[in-house]
Amino acid sequence: MFGKGLHTGLSLTVTFNPAPENFGYKIQRIDLEGEPIIEAIAENVVDTSRGTVVAKGDARCSTIEHGMAALYALGIDNCLIQVNGPEFPILDGSAKYYVENIQRVGIEVQNAPKDWYVIKKKIEFRDEETGSSIIILPDEKFSITAMISFESQFINSQFATLDDTADFVDEVASARTFVFVREIEPLLKAGLIKGGDLENAIVIYEKQISQEDLDRLADQMKVARRDATKLGYLNVQPLVWRNEPARHKLLDIIGDMALIGRPIKGRIIATRPGHTINNKFARQMRREIRAHEVQAPHYDPSDAPLMDVNRIRELLPHRYPMQLVDKVVETGSNYVVAIKNVTANEEFFQGHFPQEPVMPGVLQIEAMAQAGGLLVLNSVEEPEKWSTYFLRIDNVKFRKKVVPGDTLIFKVELITPIRHGIATMHGFAFVGETIVMEATFTAQITKNK
């Protein structure tokens, strides 16, 4: 896409290229020697005063938020963005043209599963000095409510809500950036908005100044002069929505949340948001994700299982006291989620240990292996006629004791396709949100004689 830069006024070209799985978002400055690549993550943001600026070494790129919002809202996880200058083109000040062009070329679905980070508790960031805050709460989808307030009769207080990113194209993408006339002169003196005009921003004239001063600003911006006594919006193009400024703030939040590096399931409630607090919150979210990089699967005991204990007995030869999977609650093409309820009546607690009952680690491995067996048997026809035998177990880690009353949640995933009857899997065992054990193991599927 082609256009001028908001702050530099340069003629710029930005190209959105497909990228392989797990690539993320990366920005390449093709105009610089060596064509350096900047990873688009929150820690690489170096300035948020008038937009989001990322940098690596001497390579910088600004005004990225509208393009990033389009990628994130349309569900694109991997993209190499090449630009021939220090910022993305501003276009009309919204994400409209980014969205239209992405939709025009189409989106390719990749094989890797979407790596959602699911919000399971309230996370909050507040700036006491500005009164700004961002809170994220558990939700089944990614959704946002943004509330803004200014000392202005035109946008004193507004809010906007996006309940589903599927509505982004029609409800948010066309919301343009905005600026107050009183902000223009300081921005010009700072060497910014050299490419700003009435076609790429909503300009709000809410406090009367002299005709001479308004004429001078109009000449500097290379736009038509206006009557200084008439307050209001100076744009020829009317507002798309009455709350367009609030919707644009919501758009900016999405663009800045794209720098978290993983798609989020949660509801954001932002009060007086801006790029600075958006970035601080995105950094906090990245720390949160690093601390809980592997999340426990969702498990509701009241949901009907996909496989109950009777179906499991049809597939596995194990019986009391060695049947260690009670039910399967979720399956996919390459993973299974299974449950083991650990009770005080387990036979092994009689000797391990009478005064301090702890589930033996080898039995945790056995339970996980049985869950893995159910996964691989699910890939063959007439699974009742097949058996699974484990060939090796590697990288076993026990992180916390498992005791009576715990519910073990196993998630076992194939890490290579099944070939010649051999399957390699990695599994995690959780109690609540805590990983208690993990292991990698290889199994062979053989037909019963």
Protein backbone atom coordinates (compact mmCIF):
# COMPACT_ATOMS: atom_id res chain seq x y z
CA MET A 1 0.00 0.00 0.00
CA PHE A 2 1.13 3.53 -0.77
CA GLY A 3 0.67 6.79 1.10
CA LYS A 4 2.37 9.55 3.03
CA GLY A 5 3.68 9.33 6.54
CA LEU A 6 1.74 11.26 9.17
CA HIS A 7 4.82 12.58 10.96
CA THR A 8 7.49 12.59 8.22
CA GLY A 9 5.33 13.51 5.23
CA LEU A 10 7.38 11.04 3.16
CA SER A 11 5.89 8.95 0.35
CA LEU A 12 5.89 5.42 1.75
CA THR A 13 5.15 1.89 0.62
CA VAL A 14 4.26 -0.87 3.06
CA THR A 15 3.94 -4.51 1.99
CA PHE A 16 2.30 -7.23 4.07
CA ASN A 17 3.88 -10.59 3.20
CA PRO A 18 2.78 -14.10 4.22
CA ALA A 19 4.99 -15.76 6.82
CA PRO A 20 5.45 -19.32 8.12
CA GLU A 21 3.79 -20.74 11.21
CA ASN A 22 4.95 -19.35 14.58
CA PHE A 23 6.67 -16.41 12.85
CA GLY A 24 4.65 -13.71 14.58
CA TYR A 25 4.73 -10.09 13.40
CA LYS A 26 8.01 -8.63 12.16
CA ILE A 27 8.72 -5.29 10.47
CA GLN A 28 11.56 -4.96 7.96
CA ARG A 29 13.08 -1.60 7.03
CA ILE A 30 14.01 -2.34 3.42
CA ASP A 31 15.36 1.20 2.91
CA LEU A 32 18.21 0.70 5.40
CA GLU A 33 21.51 -1.08 4.88
CA GLY A 34 21.17 -4.74 5.75
CA GLU A 35 17.36 -4.44 5.72
CA PRO A 36 17.07 -4.90 9.51
CA ILE A 37 14.06 -6.67 10.99
CA ILE A 38 12.27 -5.41 14.10
CA GLU A 39 10.18 -7.90 16.04
CA ALA A 40 6.79 -6.30 16.73
CA ILE A 41 6.56 -7.00 20.46
CA ALA A 42 5.80 -4.73 23.40
CA GLU A 43 9.38 -4.68 24.73
CA ASN A 44 10.61 -3.18 21.45
CA VAL A 45 8.39 -0.09 21.80
CA VAL A 46 10.62 2.95 22.37
CA ASP A 47 8.17 5.85 22.07
CA THR A 48 4.43 6.28 22.61
CA SER A 49 4.04 10.06 22.60
CA ARG A 50 2.12 10.32 19.30
CA GLY A 51 1.74 6.74 18.17
CA THR A 52 3.52 3.44 18.71
CA VAL A 53 7.18 3.32 17.70
CA VAL A 54 9.20 0.09 17.67
CA ALA A 55 12.95 -0.12 17.24
CA LYS A 56 15.92 -2.44 17.13
CA GLY A 57 19.25 -0.70 17.30
CA ASP A 58 19.14 2.29 14.95
CA ALA A 59 16.19 0.93 12.96
CA ARG A 60 12.86 2.47 13.96
CA CYS A 61 9.32 2.31 12.65
CA SER A 62 6.42 4.42 13.89
CA THR A 63 2.65 4.74 13.47
CA ILE A 64 2.30 0.96 13.24
CA GLU A 65 -0.86 0.64 15.35
CA HIS A 66 -3.49 0.83 12.58
CA GLY A 67 -1.85 -1.84 10.44
CA MET A 68 -1.27 -4.04 13.49
CA ALA A 69 -4.92 -3.67 14.54
CA ALA A 70 -6.05 -4.85 11.10
CA LEU A 71 -3.83 -7.94 11.28
CA TYR A 72 -4.86 -8.83 14.82
CA ALA A 73 -8.59 -8.25 14.35
CA LEU A 74 -8.67 -10.30 11.14
CA GLY A 75 -7.02 -13.22 12.93
CA ILE A 76 -3.66 -13.11 11.15
CA ASP A 77 -0.91 -14.46 13.41
CA ASN A 78 2.13 -14.45 11.11
CA CYS A 79 3.20 -11.62 8.81
CA LEU A 80 6.41 -10.02 7.55
CA ILE A 81 5.76 -6.31 7.00
CA GLN A 82 8.22 -4.50 4.74
CA VAL A 83 8.32 -0.71 4.70
CA ASN A 84 10.61 1.67 2.83
CA GLY A 85 10.74 4.38 5.47
CA PRO A 86 10.53 5.19 9.19
CA GLU A 87 6.75 4.82 9.54
CA PHE A 88 3.67 3.16 8.08
CA PRO A 89 1.62 5.38 5.74
CA ILE A 90 -1.26 7.06 7.57
CA LEU A 91 -3.72 6.54 4.67
CA ASP A 92 -7.04 8.01 5.90
CA GLY A 93 -6.09 7.81 9.60
CA SER A 94 -7.96 4.56 10.21
CA ALA A 95 -7.48 0.84 9.56
CA LYS A 96 -10.04 0.82 6.74
CA TYR A 97 -7.65 0.45 3.80
CA TYR A 98 -5.45 -2.06 5.60
CA VAL A 99 -8.53 -4.22 6.18
CA GLU A 100 -9.82 -3.84 2.63
CA ASN A 101 -6.50 -4.87 1.10
CA ILE A 102 -6.05 -7.84 3.43
CA GLN A 103 -9.54 -9.02 2.54
CA ARG A 104 -8.83 -8.46 -1.15
CA VAL A 105 -5.78 -10.75 -1.23
CA GLY A 106 -7.32 -13.29 1.15
CA ILE A 107 -6.19 -15.11 4.27
CA GLU A 108 -4.57 -18.55 4.32
CA VAL A 109 -5.29 -20.94 7.18
CA GLN A 110 -2.10 -22.61 8.44
CA ASN A 111 -1.74 -26.03 10.04
CA ALA A 112 -0.52 -24.96 13.49
CA PRO A 113 -3.33 -24.54 16.05
CA LYS A 114 -4.06 -20.97 17.12
CA ASP A 115 -2.11 -20.34 20.30
CA TRP A 116 -4.72 -18.57 22.45
CA TYR A 117 -3.81 -17.20 25.85
CA VAL A 118 -6.94 -17.56 27.96
CA ILE A 119 -7.52 -15.01 30.72
CA LYS A 120 -8.58 -16.87 33.86
CA LYS A 121 -8.39 -14.09 36.44
CA LYS A 122 -8.61 -10.30 36.59
CA ILE A 123 -5.41 -8.50 35.53
CA GLU A 124 -5.18 -4.75 36.03
CA PHE A 125 -2.84 -1.85 35.30
CA ARG A 126 -3.47 1.67 36.62
CA ASP A 127 -1.72 4.99 36.16
CA GLU A 128 -2.61 7.02 39.23
CA GLU A 129 -1.21 10.25 37.76
CA THR A 130 -3.36 10.25 34.63
CA GLY A 131 -6.34 8.30 35.94
CA SER A 132 -5.94 5.82 33.09
CA SER A 133 -6.52 2.13 33.65
CA ILE A 134 -6.80 -1.12 31.72
CA ILE A 135 -8.45 -4.20 33.18
CA ILE A 136 -8.81 -7.57 31.50
CA LEU A 137 -11.35 -10.13 32.68
CA PRO A 138 -12.13 -13.72 31.64
CA ASP A 139 -14.28 -14.00 28.52
CA GLU A 140 -14.93 -16.60 25.85
CA LYS A 141 -13.68 -14.25 23.10
CA PHE A 142 -11.51 -11.17 22.70
CA SER A 143 -13.63 -8.10 23.41
CA ILE A 144 -13.01 -4.48 24.42
CA THR A 145 -14.80 -1.54 25.97
CA ALA A 146 -13.00 1.82 25.75
CA MET A 147 -14.06 4.93 27.67
CA ILE A 148 -12.55 8.34 26.93
CA SER A 149 -12.97 11.82 28.39
CA PHE A 150 -11.52 15.21 27.43
CA GLU A 151 -12.07 18.79 28.45
CA SER A 152 -14.02 19.41 25.27
CA GLN A 153 -17.66 20.13 24.55
CA PHE A 154 -17.47 17.85 21.51
CA ILE A 155 -16.00 14.69 23.05
CA ASN A 156 -16.34 15.33 26.76
CA SER A 157 -17.17 11.67 27.47
CA GLN A 158 -17.60 8.77 25.04
CA PHE A 159 -17.39 5.00 25.07
CA ALA A 160 -17.22 2.26 22.45
CA THR A 161 -17.55 -1.51 22.71
CA LEU A 162 -16.45 -4.36 20.46
CA ASP A 163 -17.96 -7.65 21.64
CA ASP A 164 -16.52 -9.77 18.84
CA THR A 165 -13.59 -9.15 16.49
CA ALA A 166 -15.85 -10.40 13.68
CA ASP A 167 -17.52 -6.97 13.95
CA PHE A 168 -14.24 -5.04 13.66
CA VAL A 169 -14.53 -4.46 9.91
CA ASP A 170 -17.97 -2.83 10.11
CA GLU A 171 -17.84 -1.25 13.56
CA VAL A 172 -14.26 -0.07 14.19
CA ALA A 173 -11.92 -0.24 11.18
CA SER A 174 -13.10 3.06 9.64
CA ALA A 175 -12.68 5.09 12.85
CA ARG A 176 -10.09 7.82 12.16
CA THR A 177 -7.46 9.29 14.43
CA PHE A 178 -8.25 12.71 15.89
CA VAL A 179 -6.44 15.82 17.05
CA PHE A 180 -7.42 19.11 18.71
CA VAL A 181 -6.49 22.37 17.00
CA ARG A 182 -4.72 23.46 20.22
CA GLU A 183 -2.34 20.47 19.82
CA ILE A 184 -1.33 21.19 16.23
CA GLU A 185 1.18 23.99 16.73
CA PRO A 186 3.21 22.15 19.44
CA LEU A 187 3.28 19.07 17.20
CA LEU A 188 4.52 21.11 14.24
CA LYS A 189 7.21 22.72 16.40
CA ALA A 190 8.29 19.21 17.46
CA GLY A 191 8.79 18.31 13.81
CA LEU A 192 5.76 16.00 13.73
CA ILE A 193 2.55 15.69 11.64
CA LYS A 194 4.31 16.93 8.48
CA GLY A 195 1.90 14.72 6.55
CA GLY A 196 -1.20 15.60 8.57
CA ASP A 197 -4.24 17.12 6.85
CA LEU A 198 -8.03 17.09 6.95
CA GLU A 199 -8.08 13.88 4.90
CA ASN A 200 -6.24 11.68 7.40
CA ALA A 201 -7.43 12.91 10.80
CA ILE A 202 -10.49 14.31 12.53
CA VAL A 203 -9.57 17.87 13.53
CA ILE A 204 -11.55 19.27 16.47
CA TYR A 205 -11.73 23.06 16.92
CA GLU A 206 -13.24 23.46 20.39
CA LYS A 207 -11.63 26.64 21.80
CA GLN A 208 -11.74 29.82 19.77
CA ILE A 209 -8.47 31.45 18.72
CA SER A 210 -7.84 34.54 16.63
CA GLN A 211 -8.52 34.44 12.90
CA GLU A 212 -4.87 35.28 12.31
CA ASP A 213 -3.65 32.29 14.34
CA LEU A 214 -6.11 29.91 12.69
CA ASP A 215 -5.11 31.16 9.23
CA ARG A 216 -1.45 30.65 10.07
CA LEU A 217 -2.10 27.05 11.17
CA ALA A 218 -4.14 26.40 8.03
CA ASP A 219 -1.29 27.68 5.87
CA GLN A 220 1.24 25.54 7.74
CA MET A 221 -0.98 22.49 7.27
CA LYS A 222 -1.64 23.46 3.64
CA VAL A 223 -5.41 23.31 4.07
CA ALA A 224 -8.16 25.82 3.31
CA ARG A 225 -8.67 28.65 5.79
CA ARG A 226 -11.74 28.52 8.04
CA ASP A 227 -13.89 31.00 9.97
CA ALA A 228 -12.36 31.26 13.46
CA THR A 229 -15.77 31.93 15.04
CA LYS A 230 -17.24 28.58 13.98
CA LEU A 231 -16.28 25.85 16.44
CA GLY A 232 -16.63 22.14 15.70
CA TYR A 233 -15.16 19.52 13.40
CA LEU A 234 -13.12 21.07 10.58
CA ASN A 235 -13.26 18.05 8.26
CA VAL A 236 -15.29 18.12 5.07
CA GLN A 237 -15.93 14.39 5.51
CA PRO A 238 -18.48 13.98 8.34
CA LEU A 239 -18.02 11.65 11.29
CA VAL A 240 -18.66 8.00 10.49
CA TRP A 241 -20.18 7.57 13.97
CA ARG A 242 -20.98 10.09 16.70
CA ASN A 243 -18.51 8.27 18.96
CA GLU A 244 -15.84 7.88 16.27
CA PRO A 245 -13.03 9.15 18.56
CA ALA A 246 -13.85 6.48 21.16
CA ARG A 247 -13.95 3.83 18.44
CA HIS A 248 -10.55 4.97 17.23
CA LYS A 249 -9.13 4.64 20.75
CA LEU A 250 -10.51 1.10 20.74
CA LEU A 251 -8.76 0.49 17.41
CA ASP A 252 -5.48 1.76 18.90
CA ILE A 253 -5.85 -0.63 21.84
CA ILE A 254 -6.20 -3.58 19.46
CA GLY A 255 -3.10 -2.48 17.55
CA ASP A 256 -1.09 -2.17 20.75
CA MET A 257 -2.38 -5.49 22.13
CA ALA A 258 -1.14 -7.15 18.93
CA LEU A 259 2.35 -6.60 20.38
CA ILE A 260 1.61 -9.07 23.18
CA GLY A 261 2.57 -11.75 20.68
CA ARG A 262 -0.34 -14.14 21.28
CA PRO A 263 -4.07 -13.88 20.61
CA ILE A 264 -6.05 -13.29 23.79
CA LYS A 265 -9.37 -14.59 25.04
CA GLY A 266 -10.55 -11.98 27.52
CA ARG A 267 -12.51 -8.73 27.89
CA ILE A 268 -10.52 -5.50 28.11
CA ILE A 269 -12.06 -2.51 29.89
CA ALA A 270 -9.97 0.60 29.22
CA THR A 271 -10.53 3.97 30.89
CA ARG A 272 -8.80 6.96 29.28
CA PRO A 273 -6.51 4.72 27.23
CA GLY A 274 -3.51 5.89 25.24
CA HIS A 275 -0.45 4.35 23.64
CA THR A 276 1.63 4.73 26.81
CA ILE A 277 -0.66 2.80 29.14
CA ASN A 278 -1.53 0.39 26.32
CA ASN A 279 2.14 -0.51 26.00
CA LYS A 280 2.66 -0.83 29.75
CA PHE A 281 -0.28 -3.19 29.91
CA ALA A 282 0.98 -5.20 26.92
CA ARG A 283 4.34 -5.60 28.66
CA GLN A 284 2.58 -6.74 31.83
CA MET A 285 0.61 -9.28 29.80
CA ARG A 286 3.81 -10.64 28.26
CA ARG A 287 5.25 -11.14 31.76
CA GLU A 288 2.03 -12.89 32.78
CA ILE A 289 2.23 -15.19 29.75
CA ARG A 290 5.87 -16.06 30.43
CA ALA A 291 4.91 -17.01 33.99
CA HIS A 292 2.04 -19.22 32.76
CA GLU A 293 3.24 -20.14 29.29
CA VAL A 294 1.57 -23.55 29.40
CA GLN A 295 -2.05 -23.15 30.48
CA ALA A 296 -4.27 -25.81 31.97
CA PRO A 297 -7.10 -26.87 29.65
CA HIS A 298 -10.59 -25.71 30.51
CA TYR A 299 -12.36 -28.34 32.61
CA ASP A 300 -15.93 -28.15 33.89
CA PRO A 301 -16.86 -31.27 35.92
CA SER A 302 -20.54 -30.73 35.05
CA ASP A 303 -19.92 -31.16 31.30
CA ALA A 304 -20.68 -34.58 29.83
CA PRO A 305 -17.44 -36.43 28.97
CA LEU A 306 -16.53 -37.45 25.43
CA MET A 307 -15.46 -40.84 26.82
CA ASP A 308 -16.71 -42.14 30.15
CA VAL A 309 -15.14 -44.92 32.18
CA ASN A 310 -17.09 -47.62 30.31
CA ARG A 311 -15.92 -46.42 26.90
CA ILE A 312 -12.35 -46.22 28.19
CA ARG A 313 -12.57 -49.86 29.30
CA GLU A 314 -13.60 -50.80 25.77
CA LEU A 315 -10.42 -49.19 24.40
CA LEU A 316 -7.83 -49.93 27.10
CA PRO A 317 -7.11 -53.32 28.69
CA HIS A 318 -6.39 -51.80 32.13
CA ARG A 319 -8.60 -52.67 35.10
CA TYR A 320 -8.60 -51.90 38.82
CA PRO A 321 -6.26 -50.91 40.33
CA MET A 322 -4.38 -49.93 37.15
CA GLN A 323 -7.06 -48.07 35.22
CA LEU A 324 -5.89 -44.52 35.92
CA VAL A 325 -8.03 -42.44 33.55
CA ASP A 326 -11.61 -41.69 34.62
CA LYS A 327 -12.84 -39.79 31.57
CA VAL A 328 -11.85 -37.90 28.43
CA VAL A 329 -13.28 -34.38 28.19
CA GLU A 330 -11.72 -33.03 24.99
CA THR A 331 -10.04 -34.36 21.87
CA GLY A 332 -8.56 -32.85 18.74
CA SER A 333 -6.76 -34.19 15.72
CA ASN A 334 -3.48 -34.25 17.65
CA TYR A 335 -4.32 -33.95 21.36
CA VAL A 336 -6.46 -35.32 24.17
CA VAL A 337 -7.53 -33.96 27.57
CA ALA A 338 -8.22 -36.62 30.20
CA ILE A 339 -9.10 -36.62 33.90
CA LYS A 340 -7.96 -38.67 36.89
CA ASN A 341 -9.68 -37.97 40.22
CA VAL A 342 -7.26 -38.87 43.00
CA THR A 343 -9.13 -40.12 46.09
CA ALA A 344 -8.01 -41.18 49.55
CA ASN A 345 -9.19 -44.73 48.71
CA GLU A 346 -6.50 -45.34 46.08
CA GLU A 347 -4.80 -48.65 46.85
CA PHE A 348 -1.28 -47.24 46.50
CA PHE A 349 -1.77 -44.77 49.37
CA GLN A 350 -1.65 -47.69 51.84
CA GLY A 351 2.09 -47.87 51.38
CA HIS A 352 2.99 -44.52 49.71
CA PHE A 353 2.96 -43.16 52.38
CA PRO A 354 0.66 -44.03 55.29
CA GLN A 355 1.38 -40.82 57.22
CA GLU A 356 1.78 -38.56 54.19
CA PRO A 357 -0.09 -39.94 51.16
CA VAL A 358 1.52 -38.93 47.85
CA MET A 359 0.67 -40.34 44.42
CA PRO A 360 3.76 -42.15 43.08
CA GLY A 361 5.41 -40.41 40.15
CA VAL A 362 5.52 -43.64 38.15
CA LEU A 363 1.72 -43.88 38.40
CA GLN A 364 1.35 -40.29 37.23
CA ILE A 365 3.41 -41.30 34.19
CA GLU A 366 1.24 -44.39 33.73
CA ALA A 367 -1.94 -42.30 33.87
CA MET A 368 -0.52 -39.89 31.30
CA ALA A 369 0.53 -42.82 29.13
CA GLN A 370 -3.02 -44.20 29.23
CA ALA A 371 -4.32 -40.80 28.11
CA GLY A 372 -1.77 -40.91 25.28
CA GLY A 373 -2.95 -44.40 24.40
CA LEU A 374 -6.51 -43.12 24.04
CA LEU A 375 -5.18 -40.36 21.76
CA VAL A 376 -3.38 -42.68 19.35
CA LEU A 377 -6.14 -45.31 19.39
CA ASN A 378 -8.52 -42.56 18.35
CA SER A 379 -6.60 -42.37 15.04
CA VAL A 380 -7.28 -45.96 13.90
CA GLU A 381 -10.38 -47.77 12.72
CA GLU A 382 -11.84 -50.31 15.15
CA PRO A 383 -9.62 -49.12 18.02
CA GLU A 384 -10.87 -51.99 20.21
CA LYS A 385 -8.70 -54.33 18.10
CA TRP A 386 -5.46 -52.41 18.77
CA SER A 387 -3.15 -51.96 21.75
CA THR A 388 -0.56 -49.33 22.62
CA TYR A 389 2.86 -50.19 24.07
CA PHE A 390 5.30 -47.55 25.22
CA LEU A 391 8.85 -47.73 23.90
CA ARG A 392 10.54 -44.90 25.79
CA ILE A 393 9.89 -42.05 28.20
CA ASP A 394 12.07 -38.92 28.26
CA ASN A 395 12.41 -35.56 29.98
CA VAL A 396 10.17 -36.42 32.91
CA LYS A 397 9.79 -33.56 35.40
CA PHE A 398 7.86 -33.69 38.67
CA ARG A 399 7.06 -30.20 39.90
CA LYS A 400 4.60 -30.67 42.76
CA LYS A 401 3.18 -33.45 44.92
CA VAL A 402 -0.17 -35.00 43.96
CA VAL A 403 -2.25 -35.87 47.02
CA PRO A 404 -5.73 -37.21 47.85
CA GLY A 405 -8.44 -34.79 46.75
CA ASP A 406 -6.51 -33.55 43.70
CA THR A 407 -7.97 -33.75 40.21
CA LEU A 408 -5.30 -34.46 37.62
CA ILE A 409 -5.93 -32.90 34.22
CA PHE A 410 -3.78 -34.43 31.50
CA LYS A 411 -3.16 -32.78 28.16
CA VAL A 412 -1.24 -35.05 25.80
CA GLU A 413 -0.29 -33.87 22.32
CA LEU A 414 1.35 -35.54 19.34
CA ILE A 415 4.63 -33.80 18.52
CA THR A 416 5.22 -35.79 15.32
CA PRO A 417 2.75 -37.48 12.97
CA ILE A 418 2.14 -41.20 13.54
CA ARG A 419 4.41 -43.11 11.13
CA HIS A 420 4.72 -46.88 10.81
CA GLY A 421 2.66 -47.27 13.97
CA ILE A 422 5.07 -45.12 16.04
CA ALA A 423 3.82 -42.01 17.87
CA THR A 424 5.80 -39.47 19.89
CA MET A 425 3.87 -37.34 22.36
CA HIS A 426 4.41 -34.69 25.00
CA GLY A 427 2.13 -34.38 27.97
CA PHE A 428 1.46 -32.07 30.89
CA ALA A 429 -0.39 -32.92 34.10
CA PHE A 430 -2.14 -30.10 35.94
CA VAL A 431 -3.81 -29.69 39.30
CA GLY A 432 -5.89 -26.55 38.93
CA GLU A 433 -3.72 -24.10 36.99
CA THR A 434 -0.43 -25.60 38.22
CA ILE A 435 1.74 -27.99 36.21
CA VAL A 436 2.62 -30.92 38.47
CA MET A 437 4.35 -33.18 35.93
CA GLU A 438 5.40 -33.34 32.29
CA ALA A 439 7.00 -35.96 30.06
CA THR A 440 7.78 -36.92 26.48
CA PHE A 441 7.15 -40.49 25.41
CA THR A 442 7.10 -42.72 22.35
CA ALA A 443 4.55 -45.48 21.76
CA GLN A 444 3.88 -48.22 19.24
CA ILE A 445 0.40 -49.22 18.08
CA THR A 446 0.00 -52.92 17.35
CA LYS A 447 -2.99 -54.97 16.28
CA ASN A 448 -4.19 -57.52 18.81
CA LYS A 449 -3.62 -61.16 17.92
